[in-house]
C-alpha atoms as a PDB file:
ATOM      1  CA  MET A   1     -36.658 113.137  24.456  1.00  0.00           C
ATOM      2  CA  TRP A   2     -36.415 111.691  27.969  1.00  0.00           C
ATOM      3  CA  LEU A   3     -40.002 112.236  29.134  1.00  0.00           C
ATOM      4  CA  GLU A   4     -43.173 112.695  27.092  1.00  0.00           C
ATOM      5  CA  VAL A   5     -46.606 113.229  28.624  1.00  0.00           C
ATOM      6  CA  ASP A   6     -49.169 112.906  25.850  1.00  0.00           C
ATOM      7  CA  GLY A   7     -52.842 113.772  26.432  1.00  0.00           C
ATOM      8  CA  VAL A   8     -53.012 112.287  29.924  1.00  0.00           C
ATOM      9  CA  VAL A   9     -56.392 112.185  31.664  1.00  0.00           C
ATOM     10  CA  GLN A  10     -56.879 111.139  35.295  1.00  0.00           C
ATOM     11  CA  ALA A  11     -59.934 111.327  37.539  1.00  0.00           C
ATOM     12  CA  TYR A  12     -61.087 110.317  40.996  1.00  0.00           C
ATOM     13  CA  GLY A  13     -64.687 109.251  40.580  1.00  0.00           C
ATOM     14  CA  GLU A  14     -66.553 112.092  38.886  1.00  0.00           C
ATOM     15  CA  ASN A  15     -63.758 114.561  39.600  1.00  0.00           C
ATOM     16  CA  GLN A  16     -61.463 114.923  36.594  1.00  0.00           C
ATOM     17  CA  VAL A  17     -58.042 115.968  37.914  1.00  0.00           C
ATOM     18  CA  LEU A  18     -55.963 115.960  34.708  1.00  0.00           C
ATOM     19  CA  SER A  19     -57.374 117.125  31.391  1.00  0.00           C
ATOM     20  CA  ARG A  20     -55.369 116.144  28.280  1.00  0.00           C
ATOM     21  CA  LEU A  21     -52.067 117.063  29.918  1.00  0.00           C
ATOM     22  CA  SER A  22     -49.195 117.172  27.412  1.00  0.00           C
ATOM     23  CA  PHE A  23     -45.557 118.290  27.606  1.00  0.00           C
ATOM     24  CA  ARG A  24     -42.052 117.043  26.759  1.00  0.00           C
ATOM     25  CA  LEU A  25     -38.849 117.132  28.774  1.00  0.00           C
ATOM     26  CA  PRO A  26     -35.495 116.730  26.962  1.00  0.00           C
ATOM     27  CA  ALA A  27     -32.588 114.852  28.536  1.00  0.00           C
ATOM     28  CA  GLY A  28     -30.609 117.052  30.930  1.00  0.00           C
ATOM     29  CA  SER A  29     -33.412 119.605  31.231  1.00  0.00           C
ATOM     30  CA  ILE A  30     -35.152 120.684  34.447  1.00  0.00           C
ATOM     31  CA  GLY A  31     -38.904 121.174  34.127  1.00  0.00           C
ATOM     32  CA  CYS A  32     -41.493 122.375  36.605  1.00  0.00           C
ATOM     33  CA  LEU A  33     -45.249 122.061  36.989  1.00  0.00           C
ATOM     34  CA  LEU A  34     -46.405 125.233  38.752  1.00  0.00           C
ATOM     35  CA  GLY A  35     -49.888 126.015  39.996  1.00  0.00           C
ATOM     36  CA  PRO A  36     -52.192 126.574  42.958  1.00  0.00           C
ATOM     37  CA  SER A  37     -53.334 123.838  45.315  1.00  0.00           C
ATOM     38  CA  GLY A  38     -55.758 121.461  43.645  1.00  0.00           C
ATOM     39  CA  CYS A  39     -54.615 122.164  40.075  1.00  0.00           C
ATOM     40  CA  GLY A  40     -53.481 118.556  39.499  1.00  0.00           C
ATOM     41  CA  LYS A  41     -49.702 118.968  39.552  1.00  0.00           C
ATOM     42  CA  THR A  42     -49.048 116.360  42.261  1.00  0.00           C
ATOM     43  CA  THR A  43     -51.383 113.893  40.548  1.00  0.00           C
ATOM     44  CA  ALA A  44     -49.392 114.424  37.339  1.00  0.00           C
ATOM     45  CA  LEU A  45     -46.172 113.637  39.218  1.00  0.00           C
ATOM     46  CA  ARG A  46     -47.693 110.485  40.733  1.00  0.00           C
ATOM     47  CA  CYS A  47     -48.775 109.309  37.277  1.00  0.00           C
ATOM     48  CA  ILE A  48     -45.278 109.941  35.896  1.00  0.00           C
ATOM     49  CA  ALA A  49     -43.724 108.074  38.832  1.00  0.00           C
ATOM     50  CA  GLY A  50     -46.041 105.112  38.289  1.00  0.00           C
ATOM     51  CA  PHE A  51     -47.898 105.389  41.588  1.00  0.00           C
ATOM     52  CA  GLU A  52     -51.134 105.894  39.636  1.00  0.00           C
ATOM     53  CA  GLY A  53     -52.382 104.761  36.248  1.00  0.00           C
ATOM     54  CA  VAL A  54     -54.020 106.952  33.593  1.00  0.00           C
ATOM     55  CA  LEU A  55     -57.530 106.917  32.142  1.00  0.00           C
ATOM     56  CA  ALA A  56     -56.423 108.216  28.739  1.00  0.00           C
ATOM     57  CA  GLY A  57     -53.249 109.304  26.992  1.00  0.00           C
ATOM     58  CA  ARG A  58     -49.704 107.993  27.358  1.00  0.00           C
ATOM     59  CA  ILE A  59     -46.525 108.592  29.319  1.00  0.00           C
ATOM     60  CA  LEU A  60     -43.288 107.691  27.559  1.00  0.00           C
ATOM     61  CA  VAL A  61     -39.769 107.400  28.982  1.00  0.00           C
ATOM     62  CA  LYS A  62     -36.999 107.450  26.361  1.00  0.00           C
ATOM     63  CA  GLY A  63     -39.569 106.583  23.707  1.00  0.00           C
ATOM     64  CA  GLU A  64     -41.067 103.599  25.547  1.00  0.00           C
ATOM     65  CA  VAL A  65     -44.639 103.688  26.860  1.00  0.00           C
ATOM     66  CA  VAL A  66     -44.676 103.268  30.638  1.00  0.00           C
ATOM     67  CA  SER A  67     -48.305 104.322  31.182  1.00  0.00           C
ATOM     68  CA  ARG A  68     -51.454 103.998  29.117  1.00  0.00           C
ATOM     69  CA  PRO A  69     -54.988 102.831  29.952  1.00  0.00           C
ATOM     70  CA  GLY A  70     -54.718  99.293  31.300  1.00  0.00           C
ATOM     71  CA  HIS A  71     -50.907  99.307  31.424  1.00  0.00           C
ATOM     72  CA  THR A  72     -48.678 100.839  34.152  1.00  0.00           C
ATOM     73  CA  VAL A  73     -45.000  99.956  34.513  1.00  0.00           C
ATOM     74  CA  PRO A  74     -44.217  99.730  38.277  1.00  0.00           C
ATOM     75  CA  PRO A  75     -42.330 102.674  39.834  1.00  0.00           C
ATOM     76  CA  GLU A  76     -39.222 100.607  40.611  1.00  0.00           C
ATOM     77  CA  LYS A  77     -38.818  99.721  36.934  1.00  0.00           C
ATOM     78  CA  ARG A  78     -38.987 103.296  35.574  1.00  0.00           C
ATOM     79  CA  GLY A  79     -35.444 104.371  36.432  1.00  0.00           C
ATOM     80  CA  MET A  80     -36.655 107.375  38.421  1.00  0.00           C
ATOM     81  CA  GLY A  81     -35.714 108.868  41.758  1.00  0.00           C
ATOM     82  CA  MET A  82     -38.017 110.908  43.974  1.00  0.00           C
ATOM     83  CA  VAL A  83     -37.593 113.567  46.647  1.00  0.00           C
ATOM     84  CA  PHE A  84     -40.726 113.792  48.770  1.00  0.00           C
ATOM     85  CA  GLN A  85     -42.269 116.821  50.446  1.00  0.00           C
ATOM     86  CA  ASP A  86     -41.530 115.493  53.950  1.00  0.00           C
ATOM     87  CA  TYR A  87     -38.042 114.119  53.008  1.00  0.00           C
ATOM     88  CA  ALA A  88     -39.039 110.658  54.415  1.00  0.00           C
ATOM     89  CA  LEU A  89     -35.672 110.152  56.136  1.00  0.00           C
ATOM     90  CA  PHE A  90     -35.202 107.216  58.511  1.00  0.00           C
ATOM     91  CA  PRO A  91     -34.629 108.685  62.001  1.00  0.00           C
ATOM     92  CA  HIS A  92     -32.775 105.567  63.246  1.00  0.00           C
ATOM     93  CA  LEU A  93     -30.195 105.719  60.423  1.00  0.00           C
ATOM     94  CA  ASP A  94     -27.380 108.225  60.161  1.00  0.00           C
ATOM     95  CA  VAL A  95     -26.884 110.325  57.028  1.00  0.00           C
ATOM     96  CA  ALA A  96     -24.724 107.706  55.319  1.00  0.00           C
ATOM     97  CA  GLY A  97     -27.215 104.975  56.209  1.00  0.00           C
ATOM     98  CA  ASN A  98     -30.111 106.965  54.748  1.00  0.00           C
ATOM     99  CA  VAL A  99     -28.236 107.569  51.490  1.00  0.00           C
ATOM    100  CA  ALA A 100     -27.076 103.951  51.227  1.00  0.00           C
ATOM    101  CA  PHE A 101     -30.564 102.573  51.834  1.00  0.00           C
ATOM    102  CA  GLY A 102     -31.429 102.513  48.126  1.00  0.00           C
ATOM    103  CA  LEU A 103     -28.138 100.829  47.168  1.00  0.00           C
ATOM    104  CA  ARG A 104     -28.766  97.461  48.795  1.00  0.00           C
ATOM    105  CA  GLY A 105     -28.140  95.620  45.526  1.00  0.00           C
ATOM    106  CA  MET A 106     -24.500  96.747  45.488  1.00  0.00           C
ATOM    107  CA  GLY A 107     -21.538  95.269  47.304  1.00  0.00           C
ATOM    108  CA  ALA A 108     -20.527  96.857  50.595  1.00  0.00           C
ATOM    109  CA  ALA A 109     -17.426  98.587  49.210  1.00  0.00           C
ATOM    110  CA  ASP A 110     -19.267  99.956  46.155  1.00  0.00           C
ATOM    111  CA  ARG A 111     -22.163 101.096  48.322  1.00  0.00           C
ATOM    112  CA  GLN A 112     -19.814 102.928  50.670  1.00  0.00           C
ATOM    113  CA  ARG A 113     -17.961 104.534  47.755  1.00  0.00           C
ATOM    114  CA  ARG A 114     -21.162 105.734  46.045  1.00  0.00           C
ATOM    115  CA  THR A 115     -22.554 107.087  49.318  1.00  0.00           C
ATOM    116  CA  ALA A 116     -19.394 109.104  49.875  1.00  0.00           C
ATOM    117  CA  GLU A 117     -19.551 110.426  46.284  1.00  0.00           C
ATOM    118  CA  VAL A 118     -23.083 111.799  46.497  1.00  0.00           C
ATOM    119  CA  LEU A 119     -22.593 113.240  49.983  1.00  0.00           C
ATOM    120  CA  ASP A 120     -19.607 115.138  48.629  1.00  0.00           C
ATOM    121  CA  VAL A 121     -21.694 116.386  45.682  1.00  0.00           C
ATOM    122  CA  VAL A 122     -24.399 117.791  47.987  1.00  0.00           C
ATOM    123  CA  GLY A 123     -21.866 119.259  50.424  1.00  0.00           C
ATOM    124  CA  LEU A 124     -22.515 116.904  53.356  1.00  0.00           C
ATOM    125  CA  ALA A 125     -19.336 114.818  53.390  1.00  0.00           C
ATOM    126  CA  ASP A 126     -18.641 115.945  56.960  1.00  0.00           C
ATOM    127  CA  GLN A 127     -22.131 114.971  58.185  1.00  0.00           C
ATOM    128  CA  ALA A 128     -22.072 111.268  57.249  1.00  0.00           C
ATOM    129  CA  THR A 129     -22.382 110.066  60.866  1.00  0.00           C
ATOM    130  CA  ALA A 130     -24.977 112.652  61.953  1.00  0.00           C
ATOM    131  CA  TYR A 131     -28.639 111.699  62.441  1.00  0.00           C
ATOM    132  CA  PRO A 132     -31.584 113.499  60.788  1.00  0.00           C
ATOM    133  CA  ASP A 133     -32.727 115.191  64.008  1.00  0.00           C
ATOM    134  CA  GLU A 134     -29.257 116.757  64.330  1.00  0.00           C
ATOM    135  CA  LEU A 135     -29.547 118.496  60.953  1.00  0.00           C
ATOM    136  CA  SER A 136     -31.193 121.706  59.804  1.00  0.00           C
ATOM    137  CA  GLY A 137     -34.097 121.624  57.379  1.00  0.00           C
ATOM    138  CA  GLY A 138     -31.823 122.546  54.478  1.00  0.00           C
ATOM    139  CA  GLN A 139     -29.360 119.775  55.393  1.00  0.00           C
ATOM    140  CA  GLN A 140     -32.181 117.219  55.622  1.00  0.00           C
ATOM    141  CA  GLN A 141     -33.279 118.281  52.165  1.00  0.00           C
ATOM    142  CA  ARG A 142     -29.761 117.656  50.879  1.00  0.00           C
ATOM    143  CA  VAL A 143     -29.756 114.174  52.434  1.00  0.00           C
ATOM    144  CA  ALA A 144     -33.050 113.392  50.692  1.00  0.00           C
ATOM    145  CA  LEU A 145     -31.553 114.640  47.418  1.00  0.00           C
ATOM    146  CA  ALA A 146     -28.391 112.574  47.896  1.00  0.00           C
ATOM    147  CA  ARG A 147     -30.461 109.432  48.599  1.00  0.00           C
ATOM    148  CA  ALA A 148     -32.491 109.995  45.414  1.00  0.00           C
ATOM    149  CA  LEU A 149     -29.344 110.600  43.345  1.00  0.00           C
ATOM    150  CA  ALA A 150     -27.373 107.642  44.708  1.00  0.00           C
ATOM    151  CA  PRO A 151     -28.876 104.962  42.380  1.00  0.00           C
ATOM    152  CA  ARG A 152     -28.149 107.222  39.342  1.00  0.00           C
ATOM    153  CA  PRO A 153     -31.783 107.738  38.234  1.00  0.00           C
ATOM    154  CA  GLY A 154     -32.533 108.774  34.687  1.00  0.00           C
ATOM    155  CA  LEU A 155     -35.208 111.200  35.916  1.00  0.00           C
ATOM    156  CA  LEU A 156     -35.481 112.906  39.292  1.00  0.00           C
ATOM    157  CA  LEU A 157     -38.944 113.892  40.537  1.00  0.00           C
ATOM    158  CA  LEU A 158     -39.259 116.535  43.264  1.00  0.00           C
ATOM    159  CA  ASP A 159     -42.607 116.915  45.041  1.00  0.00           C
ATOM    160  CA  GLU A 160     -42.866 120.362  46.719  1.00  0.00           C
ATOM    161  CA  PRO A 161     -39.345 119.766  48.100  1.00  0.00           C
ATOM    162  CA  PHE A 162     -38.895 123.152  49.802  1.00  0.00           C
ATOM    163  CA  SER A 163     -42.356 123.672  51.304  1.00  0.00           C
ATOM    164  CA  SER A 164     -41.186 123.269  54.920  1.00  0.00           C
ATOM    165  CA  LEU A 165     -38.352 125.794  54.567  1.00  0.00           C
ATOM    166  CA  ASP A 166     -38.506 129.558  55.021  1.00  0.00           C
ATOM    167  CA  ALA A 167     -38.836 131.718  51.908  1.00  0.00           C
ATOM    168  CA  GLY A 168     -35.228 132.910  51.769  1.00  0.00           C
ATOM    169  CA  LEU A 169     -33.805 129.401  52.160  1.00  0.00           C
ATOM    170  CA  ARG A 170     -36.167 128.020  49.499  1.00  0.00           C
ATOM    171  CA  VAL A 171     -34.717 130.138  46.710  1.00  0.00           C
ATOM    172  CA  ARG A 172     -31.113 129.740  47.873  1.00  0.00           C
ATOM    173  CA  LEU A 173     -31.378 125.953  48.213  1.00  0.00           C
ATOM    174  CA  GLY A 174     -33.264 125.763  44.920  1.00  0.00           C
ATOM    175  CA  THR A 175     -30.416 127.541  43.150  1.00  0.00           C
ATOM    176  CA  GLU A 176     -27.875 125.200  44.743  1.00  0.00           C
ATOM    177  CA  ILE A 177     -29.885 122.110  43.783  1.00  0.00           C
ATOM    178  CA  ARG A 178     -30.143 123.400  40.207  1.00  0.00           C
ATOM    179  CA  GLU A 179     -26.342 123.692  40.083  1.00  0.00           C
ATOM    180  CA  ILE A 180     -25.977 120.115  41.381  1.00  0.00           C
ATOM    181  CA  LEU A 181     -28.440 118.700  38.836  1.00  0.00           C
ATOM    182  CA  LYS A 182     -26.820 120.595  35.970  1.00  0.00           C
ATOM    183  CA  LYS A 183     -23.343 119.457  37.041  1.00  0.00           C
ATOM    184  CA  LEU A 184     -24.503 115.824  37.001  1.00  0.00           C
ATOM    185  CA  GLY A 185     -26.600 116.197  33.828  1.00  0.00           C
ATOM    186  CA  ILE A 186     -29.703 114.908  35.624  1.00  0.00           C
ATOM    187  CA  THR A 187     -33.128 115.304  33.987  1.00  0.00           C
ATOM    188  CA  ALA A 188     -35.580 116.522  36.627  1.00  0.00           C
ATOM    189  CA  LEU A 189     -39.212 117.526  37.109  1.00  0.00           C
ATOM    190  CA  LEU A 190     -40.314 119.691  40.033  1.00  0.00           C
ATOM    191  CA  VAL A 191     -43.854 120.415  41.199  1.00  0.00           C
ATOM    192  CA  THR A 192     -44.517 123.482  43.330  1.00  0.00           C
ATOM    193  CA  HIS A 193     -47.015 126.251  44.065  1.00  0.00           C
ATOM    194  CA  ASP A 194     -44.171 128.722  44.658  1.00  0.00           C
ATOM    195  CA  GLN A 195     -43.021 130.657  41.594  1.00  0.00           C
ATOM    196  CA  GLY A 196     -39.798 131.706  43.336  1.00  0.00           C
ATOM    197  CA  GLU A 197     -38.807 128.027  43.563  1.00  0.00           C
ATOM    198  CA  ALA A 198     -39.820 127.432  39.967  1.00  0.00           C
ATOM    199  CA  PHE A 199     -37.793 130.395  38.701  1.00  0.00           C
ATOM    200  CA  ALA A 200     -34.735 129.364  40.753  1.00  0.00           C
ATOM    201  CA  VAL A 201     -34.659 125.725  39.626  1.00  0.00           C
ATOM    202  CA  ALA A 202     -36.331 125.138  36.260  1.00  0.00           C
ATOM    203  CA  ASP A 203     -35.378 125.668  32.625  1.00  0.00           C
ATOM    204  CA  GLU A 204     -39.007 125.468  31.529  1.00  0.00           C
ATOM    205  CA  ILE A 205     -42.175 125.844  33.568  1.00  0.00           C
ATOM    206  CA  GLY A 206     -45.702 124.632  32.934  1.00  0.00           C
ATOM    207  CA  VAL A 207     -48.443 126.664  34.605  1.00  0.00           C
ATOM    208  CA  MET A 208     -51.400 124.423  35.489  1.00  0.00           C
ATOM    209  CA  ASN A 209     -55.002 125.415  36.102  1.00  0.00           C
ATOM    210  CA  ARG A 210     -57.807 122.964  36.893  1.00  0.00           C
ATOM    211  CA  GLY A 211     -55.923 119.988  35.503  1.00  0.00           C
ATOM    212  CA  ALA A 212     -54.899 121.627  32.235  1.00  0.00           C
ATOM    213  CA  LEU A 213     -51.602 123.145  31.140  1.00  0.00           C
ATOM    214  CA  GLU A 214     -52.117 126.836  30.364  1.00  0.00           C
ATOM    215  CA  GLN A 215     -48.565 127.481  29.124  1.00  0.00           C
ATOM    216  CA  TRP A 216     -45.251 125.575  28.995  1.00  0.00           C
ATOM    217  CA  ASP A 217     -42.458 128.109  28.588  1.00  0.00           C
ATOM    218  CA  SER A 218     -39.435 129.857  30.077  1.00  0.00           C
ATOM    219  CA  ALA A 219     -39.856 131.975  33.201  1.00  0.00           C
ATOM    220  CA  TYR A 220     -39.116 135.075  31.110  1.00  0.00           C
ATOM    221  CA  ASN A 221     -41.937 134.362  28.662  1.00  0.00           C
ATOM    222  CA  LEU A 222     -44.410 133.406  31.390  1.00  0.00           C
ATOM    223  CA  TYR A 223     -43.793 136.791  33.004  1.00  0.00           C
ATOM    224  CA  HIS A 224     -43.532 138.996  29.925  1.00  0.00           C
ATOM    225  CA  ARG A 225     -45.577 137.021  27.365  1.00  0.00           C
ATOM    226  CA  PRO A 226     -48.311 135.151  29.266  1.00  0.00           C
ATOM    227  CA  ALA A 227     -50.542 133.087  26.987  1.00  0.00           C
ATOM    228  CA  SER A 228     -53.669 133.501  29.112  1.00  0.00           C
ATOM    229  CA  ARG A 229     -55.127 135.820  31.692  1.00  0.00           C
ATOM    230  CA  PHE A 230     -54.704 133.106  34.338  1.00  0.00           C
ATOM    231  CA  VAL A 231     -50.949 132.911  33.683  1.00  0.00           C
ATOM    232  CA  ALA A 232     -50.709 136.710  33.702  1.00  0.00           C
ATOM    233  CA  GLU A 233     -52.380 136.892  37.115  1.00  0.00           C
ATOM    234  CA  PHE A 234     -50.655 133.856  38.677  1.00  0.00           C
ATOM    235  CA  VAL A 235     -47.067 134.591  37.634  1.00  0.00           C
ATOM    236  CA  GLY A 236     -45.487 137.723  39.058  1.00  0.00           C
ATOM    237  CA  GLU A 237     -47.297 140.827  40.270  1.00  0.00           C
ATOM    238  CA  GLY A 238     -49.258 143.407  38.353  1.00  0.00           C
ATOM    239  CA  ALA A 239     -52.551 145.167  37.857  1.00  0.00           C
ATOM    240  CA  PHE A 240     -55.007 145.281  34.957  1.00  0.00           C
ATOM    241  CA  VAL A 241     -56.156 148.665  33.701  1.00  0.00           C
ATOM    242  CA  PRO A 242     -58.765 149.275  30.972  1.00  0.00           C
ATOM    243  CA  GLY A 243     -57.637 150.412  27.561  1.00  0.00           C
ATOM    244  CA  GLU A 244     -58.713 150.816  23.975  1.00  0.00           C
ATOM    245  CA  VAL A 245     -57.012 149.744  20.763  1.00  0.00           C
ATOM    246  CA  SER A 246     -56.043 152.699  18.583  1.00  0.00           C
ATOM    247  CA  ASP A 247     -54.229 153.089  15.291  1.00  0.00           C
ATOM    248  CA  SER A 248     -51.013 153.828  17.212  1.00  0.00           C
ATOM    249  CA  GLY A 249     -51.249 150.985  19.710  1.00  0.00           C
ATOM    250  CA  VAL A 250     -53.197 150.843  22.975  1.00  0.00           C
ATOM    251  CA  ARG A 251     -54.502 153.897  24.819  1.00  0.00           C
ATOM    252  CA  ILE A 252     -54.803 153.770  28.623  1.00  0.00           C
ATOM    253  CA  GLU A 253     -55.269 156.375  31.338  1.00  0.00           C
ATOM    254  CA  LEU A 254     -51.519 156.950  31.667  1.00  0.00           C
ATOM    255  CA  GLY A 255     -50.914 157.426  27.935  1.00  0.00           C
ATOM    256  CA  ASP A 256     -50.358 155.476  24.731  1.00  0.00           C
ATOM    257  CA  LEU A 257     -48.521 152.154  24.594  1.00  0.00           C
ATOM    258  CA  ALA A 258     -46.871 150.625  21.559  1.00  0.00           C
ATOM    259  CA  PRO A 259     -48.899 147.690  20.212  1.00  0.00           C
ATOM    260  CA  PRO A 260     -47.885 144.175  21.326  1.00  0.00           C
ATOM    261  CA  LEU A 261     -46.467 142.003  18.564  1.00  0.00           C
ATOM    262  CA  SER A 262     -49.402 139.594  18.877  1.00  0.00           C
ATOM    263  CA  LEU A 263     -52.136 142.246  18.976  1.00  0.00           C
ATOM    264  CA  ASP A 264     -54.656 141.578  16.213  1.00  0.00           C
ATOM    265  CA  LEU A 265     -57.731 143.533  17.252  1.00  0.00           C
ATOM    266  CA  PRO A 266     -59.636 146.256  15.379  1.00  0.00           C
ATOM    267  CA  ASP A 267     -59.438 149.892  16.458  1.00  0.00           C
ATOM    268  CA  ASN A 268     -61.670 150.936  19.368  1.00  0.00           C
ATOM    269  CA  THR A 269     -61.716 147.406  20.825  1.00  0.00           C
ATOM    270  CA  ALA A 270     -62.006 147.515  24.633  1.00  0.00           C
ATOM    271  CA  VAL A 271     -59.115 145.661  26.282  1.00  0.00           C
ATOM    272  CA  ASP A 272     -57.495 145.057  29.647  1.00  0.00           C
ATOM    273  CA  VAL A 273     -53.788 145.908  29.842  1.00  0.00           C
ATOM    274  CA  LEU A 274     -51.460 144.232  32.335  1.00  0.00           C
ATOM    275  CA  LEU A 275     -48.999 146.628  33.942  1.00  0.00           C
ATOM    276  CA  ARG A 276     -46.153 145.039  35.885  1.00  0.00           C
ATOM    277  CA  PRO A 277     -44.462 146.951  38.741  1.00  0.00           C
ATOM    278  CA  ASP A 278     -41.444 147.571  36.482  1.00  0.00           C
ATOM    279  CA  ASP A 279     -43.685 149.135  33.796  1.00  0.00           C
ATOM    280  CA  VAL A 280     -44.545 152.090  36.057  1.00  0.00           C
ATOM    281  CA  VAL A 281     -41.504 154.274  36.766  1.00  0.00           C
ATOM    282  CA  HIS A 282     -41.214 156.917  39.482  1.00  0.00           C
ATOM    283  CA  ASP A 283     -40.364 160.263  37.849  1.00  0.00           C
ATOM    284  CA  ASP A 284     -40.666 163.559  39.743  1.00  0.00           C
ATOM    285  CA  ALA A 285     -40.549 165.481  36.441  1.00  0.00           C
ATOM    286  CA  SER A 286     -43.552 163.672  34.954  1.00  0.00           C
ATOM    287  CA  PRO A 287     -46.876 165.548  34.676  1.00  0.00           C
ATOM    288  CA  ALA A 288     -48.744 162.304  35.426  1.00  0.00           C
ATOM    289  CA  THR A 289     -49.153 161.661  39.140  1.00  0.00           C
ATOM    290  CA  ALA A 290     -50.533 158.988  41.459  1.00  0.00           C
ATOM    291  CA  THR A 291     -51.213 158.723  45.188  1.00  0.00           C
ATOM    292  CA  VAL A 292     -49.310 156.320  47.430  1.00  0.00           C
ATOM    293  CA  LEU A 293     -51.911 153.968  48.925  1.00  0.00           C
ATOM    294  CA  ARG A 294     -49.682 151.202  50.308  1.00  0.00           C
ATOM    295  CA  LYS A 295     -45.984 150.398  50.486  1.00  0.00           C
ATOM    296  CA  ALA A 296     -44.032 147.199  51.064  1.00  0.00           C
ATOM    297  CA  PHE A 297     -40.343 147.560  51.915  1.00  0.00           C
ATOM    298  CA  ARG A 298     -38.185 144.961  50.122  1.00  0.00           C
ATOM    299  CA  GLY A 299     -34.698 146.076  50.995  1.00  0.00           C
ATOM    300  CA  ALA A 300     -33.239 147.497  47.785  1.00  0.00           C
ATOM    301  CA  SER A 301     -36.697 148.512  46.588  1.00  0.00           C
ATOM    302  CA  ILE A 302     -40.172 149.448  47.765  1.00  0.00           C
ATOM    303  CA  LEU A 303     -43.296 148.068  46.120  1.00  0.00           C
ATOM    304  CA  TYR A 304     -45.834 150.899  46.010  1.00  0.00           C
ATOM    305  CA  THR A 305     -49.551 150.492  45.399  1.00  0.00           C
ATOM    306  CA  LEU A 306     -50.577 153.699  43.651  1.00  0.00           C
ATOM    307  CA  GLY A 307     -54.009 155.227  43.094  1.00  0.00           C
ATOM    308  CA  LEU A 308     -54.609 156.903  39.739  1.00  0.00           C
ATOM    309  CA  PRO A 309     -56.924 159.923  39.360  1.00  0.00           C
ATOM    310  CA  SER A 310     -59.663 157.586  38.075  1.00  0.00           C
ATOM    311  CA  GLY A 311     -59.483 155.534  41.265  1.00  0.00           C
ATOM    312  CA  ARG A 312     -57.794 152.559  39.576  1.00  0.00           C
ATOM    313  CA  ARG A 313     -54.631 151.104  41.053  1.00  0.00           C
ATOM    314  CA  VAL A 314     -51.220 150.163  39.666  1.00  0.00           C
ATOM    315  CA  LEU A 315     -48.008 148.849  41.219  1.00  0.00           C
ATOM    316  CA  ALA A 316     -44.552 150.416  40.984  1.00  0.00           C
ATOM    317  CA  LEU A 317     -41.215 149.014  42.120  1.00  0.00           C
ATOM    318  CA  VAL A 318     -39.056 151.964  43.198  1.00  0.00           C
ATOM    319  CA  PRO A 319     -35.496 152.084  44.637  1.00  0.00           C
ATOM    320  CA  SER A 320     -35.847 152.240  48.408  1.00  0.00           C
ATOM    321  CA  HIS A 321     -34.036 155.555  48.834  1.00  0.00           C
ATOM    322  CA  HIS A 322     -37.242 157.081  47.390  1.00  0.00           C
ATOM    323  CA  ASN A 323     -39.180 156.627  50.622  1.00  0.00           C
ATOM    324  CA  HIS A 324     -42.576 158.281  50.103  1.00  0.00           C
ATOM    325  CA  ARG A 325     -45.275 158.484  52.740  1.00  0.00           C
ATOM    326  CA  ILE A 326     -48.799 157.099  52.483  1.00  0.00           C
ATOM    327  CA  GLY A 327     -51.078 159.691  50.871  1.00  0.00           C
ATOM    328  CA  GLU A 328     -48.255 161.490  49.041  1.00  0.00           C
ATOM    329  CA  ARG A 329     -48.661 162.231  45.331  1.00  0.00           C
ATOM    330  CA  ILE A 330     -45.683 161.263  43.199  1.00  0.00           C
ATOM    331  CA  GLY A 331     -44.837 161.615  39.514  1.00  0.00           C
ATOM    332  CA  ILE A 332     -44.932 158.478  37.366  1.00  0.00           C
ATOM    333  CA  ARG A 333     -44.465 157.554  33.736  1.00  0.00           C
ATOM    334  CA  LEU A 334     -44.864 154.420  31.642  1.00  0.00           C
ATOM    335  CA  GLU A 335     -41.844 152.433  30.529  1.00  0.00           C
ATOM    336  CA  ALA A 336     -43.398 149.207  29.245  1.00  0.00           C
ATOM    337  CA  ASP A 337     -41.289 147.112  26.869  1.00  0.00           C
ATOM    338  CA  HIS A 338     -43.695 144.166  26.874  1.00  0.00           C
ATOM    339  CA  VAL A 339     -47.319 145.171  26.536  1.00  0.00           C
ATOM    340  CA  VAL A 340     -49.684 142.385  27.619  1.00  0.00           C
ATOM    341  CA  VAL A 341     -53.270 142.848  26.407  1.00  0.00           C
ATOM    342  CA  PHE A 342     -56.418 140.725  26.696  1.00  0.00           C
ATOM    343  CA  PRO A 343     -59.863 141.506  25.260  1.00  0.00           C
ATOM    344  CA  ARG A 344     -62.092 142.846  28.018  1.00  0.00           C
END
C-alpha cells in the first residue's frame, strides 16, 4: 500500500476540518477526494503533502509514518510531487527551464535528458523554448505536470488542477493526464469539486462532506449504489420521489420497482426513491404520462424536467431527435436497474 490515511483529525481553532479521515491508495492507483467547497479535501491534501501536521491519526507512506501528532516529515522528504491549482510556473523561464527547475541536484547533461523525456511524455517536446505566457491554459497545465513528474515522485498530488479551464477541456485533459499517469505507473491523488474531472481521472473516488469521508468507491458505485443520501444527491443528477415498501419491492407513483439488494425494511415503510435521468424512459406507447416543464439540450440528448400528475418532478435523458415543447405531455415508463432507496 503506497498511501494510508488512518483516522486523521485536523482543526483550525475551534473549527474541526477533518474528522477521522481514513482511506488507502495502492501503488499505481489514481484516487480522488471529491466534495463541495469547505468539505476539507484541500486540507487533507496539505496534510498528506506535509504542509500541515495532524491533531490525531496517522499518515503512512509505504508503511512508514510520515505524520502523527507531534511528528511531521517535511514535504521535501516525502518523495511526492505536486501540481498546484494556479500551476505556479516561473514566467521568466521557458518551458524547459520550468521543468528542469526541480532537477538542480542532477548534472547538466542528465537534467537536460530528463527534461526532454518528460516533455515528450506530456506532448510538449516542440514547446521547450516557449514561455508560459505564450502557451494555452491546457499547455501550461502540461508544463506543471511535467515539472512535477521530472524528479520521479512516488506519489503525485493534484490540487484542483483543471479549475481554470473550460468544462470541455477539463474532461479531455483529465483523460489525457490519466493515460500519462497510467503509462508511467504513477500513484496519484486528485482533489476536486468537479465530478466530471473525478470520473475522467480516478480509479477510486472518496466523496467528502464536512470533513468526513461518506464513501470511497468506484465512480460506477457512487452513481448507482450511493452509501448515503448526501452521495446520492452530490454525484450525478436525479430526483427523489416518495415510495412505500411492499412485498414485491417498492411502490411509487409510476409503478412498482424491484427491491434493491440491500433493502431490509418492513412492508409499508415510507421511503424516498432516487430516480436517475436514465431510469425514466420516453415511451409514446406508455399509459403513464408527464408534462415537460424544462429542457436542456446536450447535443446527442435532451435532459427533460418532467412534472408528474401529483406535481412531483423527475428527470429523463432522451435522444435529442425527440424534441418536445414545454407544456407537452409525453409517455414515460420506468426502466430502473439500480433502485436506490433511503428511509424517509
